């Protein structure tokens, strides 16, 4: 704690940038290239507002991850557990990678409204891949 509190930069910014890995930015670029190639191969219609929606969804995903992890990191600061709550959260995050419609009703509600990991992966993909039915899975 002394290391963080004695530096002139804001504490939260220090903690977020402490684990920043430049190779993860390269992975994001590769993922974007693969996504663009897949979009062209799938023959999906592209409207004029799709890039704007894509940027909004990416920024929303970053805010969801940031908010959830900051909340649980702050909460685990007050616990006695040496590992905290984050390993449990990492396991729950993996459930959000799959369609939330395959889970039972309680897990679907949890991944949509309580810990909204479904809004990071499933709902944006459902919007772009199945526009006619993507909103039906929110309930």
N, C-alpha and C. Protein backbone atom coordinates (compact mmCIF):
# COMPACT_ATOMS: atom_id res chain seq x y z
N UNK A 1 0.81 -1.20 0.00
CA UNK A 1 0.00 0.00 0.00
C UNK A 1 0.86 1.27 0.00
N UNK A 2 1.98 1.24 0.70
CA UNK A 2 2.82 2.43 0.75
C UNK A 2 3.36 2.80 -0.63
N UNK A 3 3.66 1.79 -1.43
CA UNK A 3 4.18 2.04 -2.77
C UNK A 3 3.17 2.83 -3.59
N UNK A 4 1.91 2.50 -3.47
CA UNK A 4 0.87 3.17 -4.26
C UNK A 4 0.56 4.55 -3.69
N UNK A 5 0.49 4.64 -2.38
CA UNK A 5 0.07 5.90 -1.75
C UNK A 5 1.15 6.98 -1.79
N UNK A 6 2.41 6.62 -1.96
CA UNK A 6 3.48 7.62 -1.96
C UNK A 6 3.82 8.16 -3.34
N UNK A 7 3.26 7.59 -4.39
CA UNK A 7 3.51 8.08 -5.74
C UNK A 7 2.58 9.24 -6.06
N UNK A 8 3.01 10.12 -6.96
CA UNK A 8 2.18 11.31 -7.25
C UNK A 8 0.96 11.03 -8.13
N UNK A 9 0.94 9.93 -8.84
CA UNK A 9 -0.19 9.64 -9.74
C UNK A 9 -1.40 9.17 -8.93
N UNK A 10 -2.57 9.29 -9.54
CA UNK A 10 -3.81 8.87 -8.90
C UNK A 10 -3.77 7.36 -8.65
N UNK A 11 -4.25 6.90 -7.49
CA UNK A 11 -4.12 5.50 -7.07
C UNK A 11 -4.79 4.53 -8.03
N UNK A 12 -6.00 4.83 -8.47
CA UNK A 12 -6.73 3.93 -9.35
C UNK A 12 -6.03 3.79 -10.69
N UNK A 13 -5.50 4.88 -11.21
CA UNK A 13 -4.78 4.82 -12.48
C UNK A 13 -3.52 3.97 -12.34
N UNK A 14 -2.83 4.09 -11.24
CA UNK A 14 -1.64 3.27 -11.00
C UNK A 14 -1.98 1.79 -10.99
N UNK A 15 -3.04 1.44 -10.29
CA UNK A 15 -3.42 0.04 -10.20
C UNK A 15 -3.87 -0.53 -11.54
N UNK A 16 -4.57 0.27 -12.34
CA UNK A 16 -5.02 -0.22 -13.65
C UNK A 16 -3.86 -0.37 -14.62
N UNK A 17 -2.92 0.55 -14.60
CA UNK A 17 -1.81 0.50 -15.53
C UNK A 17 -0.69 -0.42 -15.08
N UNK A 18 -0.74 -0.88 -13.85
CA UNK A 18 0.31 -1.75 -13.33
C UNK A 18 0.38 -3.07 -14.09
N UNK A 19 -0.75 -3.58 -14.51
CA UNK A 19 -0.79 -4.86 -15.21
C UNK A 19 -1.01 -4.70 -16.71
N UNK A 20 -0.80 -3.51 -17.24
CA UNK A 20 -0.97 -3.28 -18.68
C UNK A 20 0.14 -4.00 -19.43
N UNK A 21 -0.28 -4.79 -20.40
CA UNK A 21 0.67 -5.58 -21.17
C UNK A 21 0.59 -5.16 -22.63
N UNK A 22 1.68 -4.68 -23.22
CA UNK A 22 1.62 -4.26 -24.63
C UNK A 22 1.22 -5.38 -25.59
N UNK A 23 1.51 -6.62 -25.25
CA UNK A 23 1.13 -7.72 -26.13
C UNK A 23 -0.39 -7.89 -26.19
N UNK A 24 -1.11 -7.45 -25.15
CA UNK A 24 -2.57 -7.55 -25.19
C UNK A 24 -3.15 -6.57 -26.20
N UNK A 25 -2.49 -5.44 -26.43
CA UNK A 25 -2.95 -4.51 -27.46
C UNK A 25 -2.78 -5.12 -28.84
N UNK A 26 -1.70 -5.87 -29.04
CA UNK A 26 -1.50 -6.56 -30.31
C UNK A 26 -2.57 -7.64 -30.50
N UNK A 27 -2.93 -8.33 -29.43
CA UNK A 27 -3.99 -9.34 -29.50
C UNK A 27 -5.32 -8.70 -29.88
N UNK A 28 -5.59 -7.52 -29.37
CA UNK A 28 -6.82 -6.82 -29.73
C UNK A 28 -6.82 -6.43 -31.21
N UNK A 29 -5.68 -6.02 -31.72
CA UNK A 29 -5.58 -5.69 -33.14
C UNK A 29 -5.80 -6.92 -34.02
N UNK A 30 -5.19 -8.04 -33.63
CA UNK A 30 -5.39 -9.29 -34.38
C UNK A 30 -6.86 -9.71 -34.33
N UNK A 31 -7.50 -9.59 -33.19
CA UNK A 31 -8.92 -9.91 -33.07
C UNK A 31 -9.78 -9.03 -33.95
N UNK A 32 -9.44 -7.75 -34.05
CA UNK A 32 -10.19 -6.84 -34.91
C UNK A 32 -10.04 -7.22 -36.38
N UNK A 33 -8.83 -7.60 -36.77
CA UNK A 33 -8.59 -8.02 -38.16
C UNK A 33 -9.37 -9.29 -38.47
N UNK A 34 -9.35 -10.24 -37.57
CA UNK A 34 -10.10 -11.49 -37.77
C UNK A 34 -11.60 -11.21 -37.85
N UNK A 35 -12.08 -10.29 -37.02
CA UNK A 35 -13.49 -9.95 -37.04
C UNK A 35 -13.88 -9.29 -38.37
N UNK A 36 -13.05 -8.40 -38.88
CA UNK A 36 -13.34 -7.76 -40.18
C UNK A 36 -13.33 -8.78 -41.30
N UNK A 37 -12.38 -9.70 -41.29
CA UNK A 37 -12.32 -10.75 -42.32
C UNK A 37 -13.55 -11.65 -42.23
N UNK A 38 -13.94 -12.03 -41.03
CA UNK A 38 -15.12 -12.88 -40.85
C UNK A 38 -16.38 -12.17 -41.31
N UNK A 39 -16.47 -10.87 -41.03
CA UNK A 39 -17.64 -10.10 -41.45
C UNK A 39 -17.77 -10.13 -42.97
N UNK A 40 -16.64 -9.97 -43.66
CA UNK A 40 -16.70 -9.98 -45.13
C UNK A 40 -17.03 -11.36 -45.66
N UNK A 41 -16.58 -12.43 -45.01
CA UNK A 41 -16.86 -13.78 -45.47
C UNK A 41 -18.28 -14.23 -45.17
N UNK A 42 -18.88 -13.71 -44.11
CA UNK A 42 -20.24 -14.09 -43.75
C UNK A 42 -21.28 -13.37 -44.62
N UNK A 43 -20.89 -12.31 -45.26
CA UNK A 43 -21.81 -11.57 -46.12
C UNK A 43 -22.89 -10.83 -45.35
N UNK A 44 -22.57 -10.35 -44.17
CA UNK A 44 -23.54 -9.61 -43.37
C UNK A 44 -23.73 -8.20 -43.94
N UNK A 45 -24.93 -7.72 -43.85
CA UNK A 45 -25.22 -6.36 -44.31
C UNK A 45 -24.61 -5.36 -43.35
N UNK A 46 -24.01 -4.33 -43.90
CA UNK A 46 -23.41 -3.27 -43.10
C UNK A 46 -24.17 -1.99 -43.37
N UNK A 47 -24.77 -1.44 -42.33
CA UNK A 47 -25.48 -0.18 -42.46
C UNK A 47 -24.55 0.96 -42.05
N UNK A 48 -24.96 2.17 -42.29
CA UNK A 48 -24.10 3.32 -42.01
C UNK A 48 -23.84 3.51 -40.53
N UNK A 49 -24.77 3.06 -39.68
CA UNK A 49 -24.61 3.28 -38.23
C UNK A 49 -23.95 2.10 -37.51
N UNK A 50 -23.63 1.02 -38.21
CA UNK A 50 -22.99 -0.12 -37.55
C UNK A 50 -21.62 0.19 -36.95
N UNK A 51 -20.74 0.96 -37.61
CA UNK A 51 -19.47 1.31 -36.94
C UNK A 51 -19.68 2.12 -35.66
N UNK A 52 -20.68 2.98 -35.65
CA UNK A 52 -20.96 3.77 -34.45
C UNK A 52 -21.45 2.86 -33.33
N UNK A 53 -22.35 1.94 -33.67
CA UNK A 53 -22.85 0.99 -32.67
C UNK A 53 -21.73 0.11 -32.17
N UNK A 54 -20.83 -0.31 -33.06
CA UNK A 54 -19.69 -1.13 -32.66
C UNK A 54 -18.82 -0.39 -31.65
N UNK A 55 -18.52 0.87 -31.91
CA UNK A 55 -17.69 1.66 -30.98
C UNK A 55 -18.40 1.82 -29.64
N UNK A 56 -19.70 2.09 -29.66
CA UNK A 56 -20.47 2.23 -28.42
C UNK A 56 -20.46 0.92 -27.64
N UNK A 57 -20.61 -0.22 -28.33
CA UNK A 57 -20.61 -1.52 -27.65
C UNK A 57 -19.24 -1.85 -27.07
N UNK A 58 -18.17 -1.50 -27.76
CA UNK A 58 -16.82 -1.75 -27.24
C UNK A 58 -16.58 -0.88 -26.00
N UNK A 59 -16.94 0.39 -26.08
CA UNK A 59 -16.76 1.27 -24.91
C UNK A 59 -17.63 0.81 -23.74
N UNK A 60 -18.85 0.36 -24.02
CA UNK A 60 -19.70 -0.17 -22.97
C UNK A 60 -19.12 -1.42 -22.34
N UNK A 61 -18.52 -2.27 -23.15
CA UNK A 61 -17.89 -3.48 -22.62
C UNK A 61 -16.72 -3.15 -21.71
N UNK A 62 -15.93 -2.17 -22.11
CA UNK A 62 -14.80 -1.75 -21.28
C UNK A 62 -15.31 -1.19 -19.95
N UNK A 63 -16.38 -0.42 -20.00
CA UNK A 63 -16.94 0.14 -18.76
C UNK A 63 -17.55 -0.94 -17.87
N UNK A 64 -18.18 -1.95 -18.48
CA UNK A 64 -18.73 -3.05 -17.69
C UNK A 64 -17.62 -3.80 -16.98
N UNK A 65 -16.59 -4.20 -17.72
CA UNK A 65 -15.46 -4.90 -17.10
C UNK A 65 -14.81 -4.03 -16.02
N UNK A 66 -14.56 -2.78 -16.37
CA UNK A 66 -13.92 -1.89 -15.39
C UNK A 66 -14.74 -1.71 -14.14
N UNK A 67 -16.03 -1.48 -14.29
CA UNK A 67 -16.90 -1.29 -13.13
C UNK A 67 -16.99 -2.51 -12.25
N UNK A 68 -17.15 -3.68 -12.87
CA UNK A 68 -17.27 -4.91 -12.09
C UNK A 68 -15.97 -5.22 -11.36
N UNK A 69 -14.84 -5.10 -12.06
CA UNK A 69 -13.57 -5.43 -11.42
C UNK A 69 -13.18 -4.41 -10.36
N UNK A 70 -13.47 -3.15 -10.57
CA UNK A 70 -13.17 -2.15 -9.53
C UNK A 70 -14.05 -2.39 -8.31
N UNK A 71 -15.33 -2.72 -8.53
CA UNK A 71 -16.23 -2.98 -7.41
C UNK A 71 -15.73 -4.17 -6.58
N UNK A 72 -15.42 -5.29 -7.24
CA UNK A 72 -15.02 -6.47 -6.49
C UNK A 72 -13.60 -6.37 -5.93
N UNK A 73 -12.74 -5.62 -6.57
CA UNK A 73 -11.41 -5.39 -6.00
C UNK A 73 -11.52 -4.55 -4.74
N UNK A 74 -12.36 -3.52 -4.77
CA UNK A 74 -12.57 -2.70 -3.58
C UNK A 74 -13.22 -3.51 -2.47
N UNK A 75 -14.14 -4.39 -2.83
CA UNK A 75 -14.80 -5.23 -1.84
C UNK A 75 -13.82 -6.24 -1.24
N UNK A 76 -12.96 -6.82 -2.07
CA UNK A 76 -12.02 -7.81 -1.55
C UNK A 76 -10.92 -7.17 -0.70
N UNK A 77 -10.75 -5.86 -0.79
CA UNK A 77 -9.79 -5.16 0.05
C UNK A 77 -10.14 -5.32 1.53
N UNK A 78 -11.43 -5.46 1.81
CA UNK A 78 -11.89 -5.56 3.19
C UNK A 78 -12.06 -7.00 3.66
N UNK A 79 -11.74 -7.97 2.82
CA UNK A 79 -11.91 -9.37 3.23
C UNK A 79 -10.60 -9.93 3.77
N UNK A 80 -10.72 -11.05 4.47
CA UNK A 80 -9.54 -11.70 5.04
C UNK A 80 -8.92 -12.72 4.09
N UNK A 81 -9.59 -13.03 3.03
CA UNK A 81 -9.14 -14.06 2.09
C UNK A 81 -7.87 -13.62 1.36
N UNK A 82 -6.88 -14.51 1.26
CA UNK A 82 -5.64 -14.12 0.57
C UNK A 82 -5.85 -13.94 -0.94
N UNK A 83 -6.81 -14.64 -1.52
CA UNK A 83 -7.04 -14.53 -2.97
C UNK A 83 -8.15 -13.54 -3.30
N UNK A 84 -9.01 -13.24 -2.37
CA UNK A 84 -10.10 -12.32 -2.62
C UNK A 84 -11.22 -12.97 -3.41
N UNK A 85 -12.02 -12.15 -4.04
CA UNK A 85 -13.19 -12.61 -4.76
C UNK A 85 -12.90 -12.75 -6.26
N UNK A 86 -11.81 -12.21 -6.73
CA UNK A 86 -11.55 -12.16 -8.17
C UNK A 86 -11.44 -13.52 -8.86
N UNK A 87 -10.86 -14.56 -8.25
CA UNK A 87 -10.87 -15.86 -8.96
C UNK A 87 -12.28 -16.37 -9.26
N UNK A 88 -13.21 -16.17 -8.36
CA UNK A 88 -14.60 -16.53 -8.62
C UNK A 88 -15.16 -15.71 -9.77
N UNK A 89 -14.82 -14.45 -9.80
CA UNK A 89 -15.30 -13.57 -10.86
C UNK A 89 -14.72 -13.96 -12.21
N UNK A 90 -13.47 -14.39 -12.26
CA UNK A 90 -12.87 -14.83 -13.52
C UNK A 90 -13.61 -16.06 -14.05
N UNK A 91 -14.02 -16.95 -13.16
CA UNK A 91 -14.78 -18.12 -13.61
C UNK A 91 -16.16 -17.72 -14.13
N UNK A 92 -16.83 -16.78 -13.47
CA UNK A 92 -18.13 -16.31 -13.94
C UNK A 92 -18.01 -15.57 -15.27
N UNK A 93 -16.91 -14.91 -15.47
CA UNK A 93 -16.68 -14.19 -16.72
C UNK A 93 -16.66 -15.15 -17.89
N UNK A 94 -16.17 -16.36 -17.70
CA UNK A 94 -16.13 -17.35 -18.78
C UNK A 94 -17.52 -17.77 -19.23
N UNK A 95 -18.50 -17.71 -18.34
CA UNK A 95 -19.87 -18.03 -18.73
C UNK A 95 -20.42 -17.01 -19.71
N UNK A 96 -19.95 -15.78 -19.65
CA UNK A 96 -20.42 -14.74 -20.54
C UNK A 96 -19.92 -14.88 -21.96
N UNK A 97 -18.99 -15.78 -22.20
CA UNK A 97 -18.47 -15.98 -23.55
C UNK A 97 -19.40 -16.80 -24.42
N UNK A 98 -20.32 -17.50 -23.80
CA UNK A 98 -21.24 -18.36 -24.52
C UNK A 98 -22.62 -17.71 -24.56
N UNK A 99 -23.48 -18.16 -25.47
CA UNK A 99 -24.83 -17.57 -25.51
C UNK A 99 -25.56 -17.76 -24.18
N UNK A 100 -26.09 -16.68 -23.65
CA UNK A 100 -26.77 -16.77 -22.36
C UNK A 100 -28.08 -17.54 -22.48
N UNK A 101 -28.56 -17.74 -23.69
CA UNK A 101 -29.81 -18.47 -23.88
C UNK A 101 -29.66 -19.97 -23.63
N UNK A 102 -28.42 -20.48 -23.54
CA UNK A 102 -28.24 -21.91 -23.29
C UNK A 102 -28.30 -22.23 -21.80
N UNK A 103 -28.24 -21.22 -20.96
CA UNK A 103 -28.25 -21.44 -19.52
C UNK A 103 -29.69 -21.39 -18.99
N UNK A 104 -29.86 -21.88 -17.74
CA UNK A 104 -31.19 -21.81 -17.14
C UNK A 104 -31.54 -20.35 -16.82
N UNK A 105 -32.76 -20.15 -16.43
CA UNK A 105 -33.30 -18.80 -16.24
C UNK A 105 -32.52 -17.98 -15.20
N UNK A 106 -32.14 -18.59 -14.10
CA UNK A 106 -31.45 -17.84 -13.04
C UNK A 106 -30.05 -17.41 -13.48
N UNK A 107 -29.33 -18.29 -14.16
CA UNK A 107 -28.00 -17.91 -14.64
C UNK A 107 -28.10 -16.89 -15.77
N UNK A 108 -29.14 -17.00 -16.57
CA UNK A 108 -29.38 -16.03 -17.64
C UNK A 108 -29.61 -14.64 -17.04
N UNK A 109 -30.42 -14.56 -16.01
CA UNK A 109 -30.69 -13.26 -15.35
C UNK A 109 -29.42 -12.73 -14.70
N UNK A 110 -28.64 -13.61 -14.07
CA UNK A 110 -27.41 -13.16 -13.43
C UNK A 110 -26.42 -12.60 -14.45
N UNK A 111 -26.25 -13.29 -15.60
CA UNK A 111 -25.29 -12.84 -16.61
C UNK A 111 -25.79 -11.66 -17.42
N UNK A 112 -27.07 -11.35 -17.30
CA UNK A 112 -27.61 -10.21 -18.04
C UNK A 112 -27.77 -8.98 -17.16
N UNK A 113 -28.30 -9.15 -15.96
CA UNK A 113 -28.67 -7.99 -15.15
C UNK A 113 -27.85 -7.80 -13.88
N UNK A 114 -27.33 -8.86 -13.28
CA UNK A 114 -26.59 -8.71 -12.02
C UNK A 114 -25.11 -8.50 -12.28
N UNK A 115 -24.46 -9.46 -12.94
CA UNK A 115 -23.09 -9.32 -13.42
C UNK A 115 -23.17 -9.36 -14.95
N UNK A 116 -23.30 -8.22 -15.59
CA UNK A 116 -23.69 -8.19 -17.01
C UNK A 116 -22.61 -8.58 -18.00
N UNK A 117 -22.00 -9.76 -17.81
CA UNK A 117 -21.00 -10.24 -18.75
C UNK A 117 -21.62 -10.61 -20.10
N UNK A 118 -22.92 -10.86 -20.13
CA UNK A 118 -23.59 -11.13 -21.40
C UNK A 118 -23.57 -9.93 -22.33
N UNK A 119 -23.53 -8.72 -21.76
CA UNK A 119 -23.48 -7.51 -22.58
C UNK A 119 -22.09 -7.26 -23.16
N UNK A 120 -21.11 -8.03 -22.75
CA UNK A 120 -19.77 -7.88 -23.28
C UNK A 120 -19.58 -8.73 -24.53
N UNK A 121 -20.10 -9.94 -24.53
CA UNK A 121 -19.87 -10.83 -25.65
C UNK A 121 -21.11 -11.24 -26.41
N UNK A 122 -22.08 -11.79 -25.70
CA UNK A 122 -23.22 -12.40 -26.38
C UNK A 122 -24.14 -11.39 -27.04
N UNK A 123 -24.59 -10.39 -26.31
CA UNK A 123 -25.57 -9.46 -26.87
C UNK A 123 -25.02 -8.63 -28.04
N UNK A 124 -23.77 -8.14 -27.98
CA UNK A 124 -23.25 -7.47 -29.18
C UNK A 124 -23.16 -8.40 -30.38
N UNK A 125 -22.71 -9.63 -30.17
CA UNK A 125 -22.63 -10.59 -31.28
C UNK A 125 -24.02 -10.91 -31.81
N UNK A 126 -24.98 -11.05 -30.92
CA UNK A 126 -26.35 -11.34 -31.35
C UNK A 126 -26.93 -10.18 -32.14
N UNK A 127 -26.56 -8.97 -31.77
CA UNK A 127 -27.05 -7.81 -32.52
C UNK A 127 -26.55 -7.85 -33.96
N UNK A 128 -25.27 -8.11 -34.15
CA UNK A 128 -24.72 -8.08 -35.49
C UNK A 128 -25.05 -9.33 -36.31
N UNK A 129 -25.18 -10.48 -35.65
CA UNK A 129 -25.41 -11.73 -36.40
C UNK A 129 -26.88 -12.06 -36.61
N UNK A 130 -27.75 -11.67 -35.68
CA UNK A 130 -29.17 -12.01 -35.78
C UNK A 130 -30.00 -10.81 -35.35
N UNK A 131 -30.02 -9.80 -36.16
CA UNK A 131 -30.69 -8.53 -35.80
C UNK A 131 -32.16 -8.68 -35.52
N UNK A 132 -32.81 -9.59 -36.21
CA UNK A 132 -34.26 -9.74 -36.05
C UNK A 132 -34.64 -10.26 -34.66
N UNK A 133 -33.80 -11.07 -34.04
CA UNK A 133 -34.15 -11.72 -32.77
C UNK A 133 -33.23 -11.37 -31.61
N UNK A 134 -32.31 -10.45 -31.77
CA UNK A 134 -31.34 -10.24 -30.69
C UNK A 134 -31.96 -9.69 -29.43
N UNK A 135 -32.98 -8.88 -29.51
CA UNK A 135 -33.61 -8.30 -28.33
C UNK A 135 -34.48 -9.28 -27.57
N UNK A 136 -34.87 -10.38 -28.19
CA UNK A 136 -35.73 -11.36 -27.52
C UNK A 136 -35.00 -12.10 -26.41
N UNK A 137 -33.68 -12.17 -26.49
CA UNK A 137 -32.92 -12.91 -25.48
C UNK A 137 -32.64 -12.08 -24.24
N UNK A 138 -33.03 -10.82 -24.20
CA UNK A 138 -32.80 -9.98 -23.02
C UNK A 138 -33.70 -10.33 -21.86
N UNK A 139 -34.78 -11.02 -22.11
CA UNK A 139 -35.74 -11.31 -21.05
C UNK A 139 -35.51 -12.65 -20.42
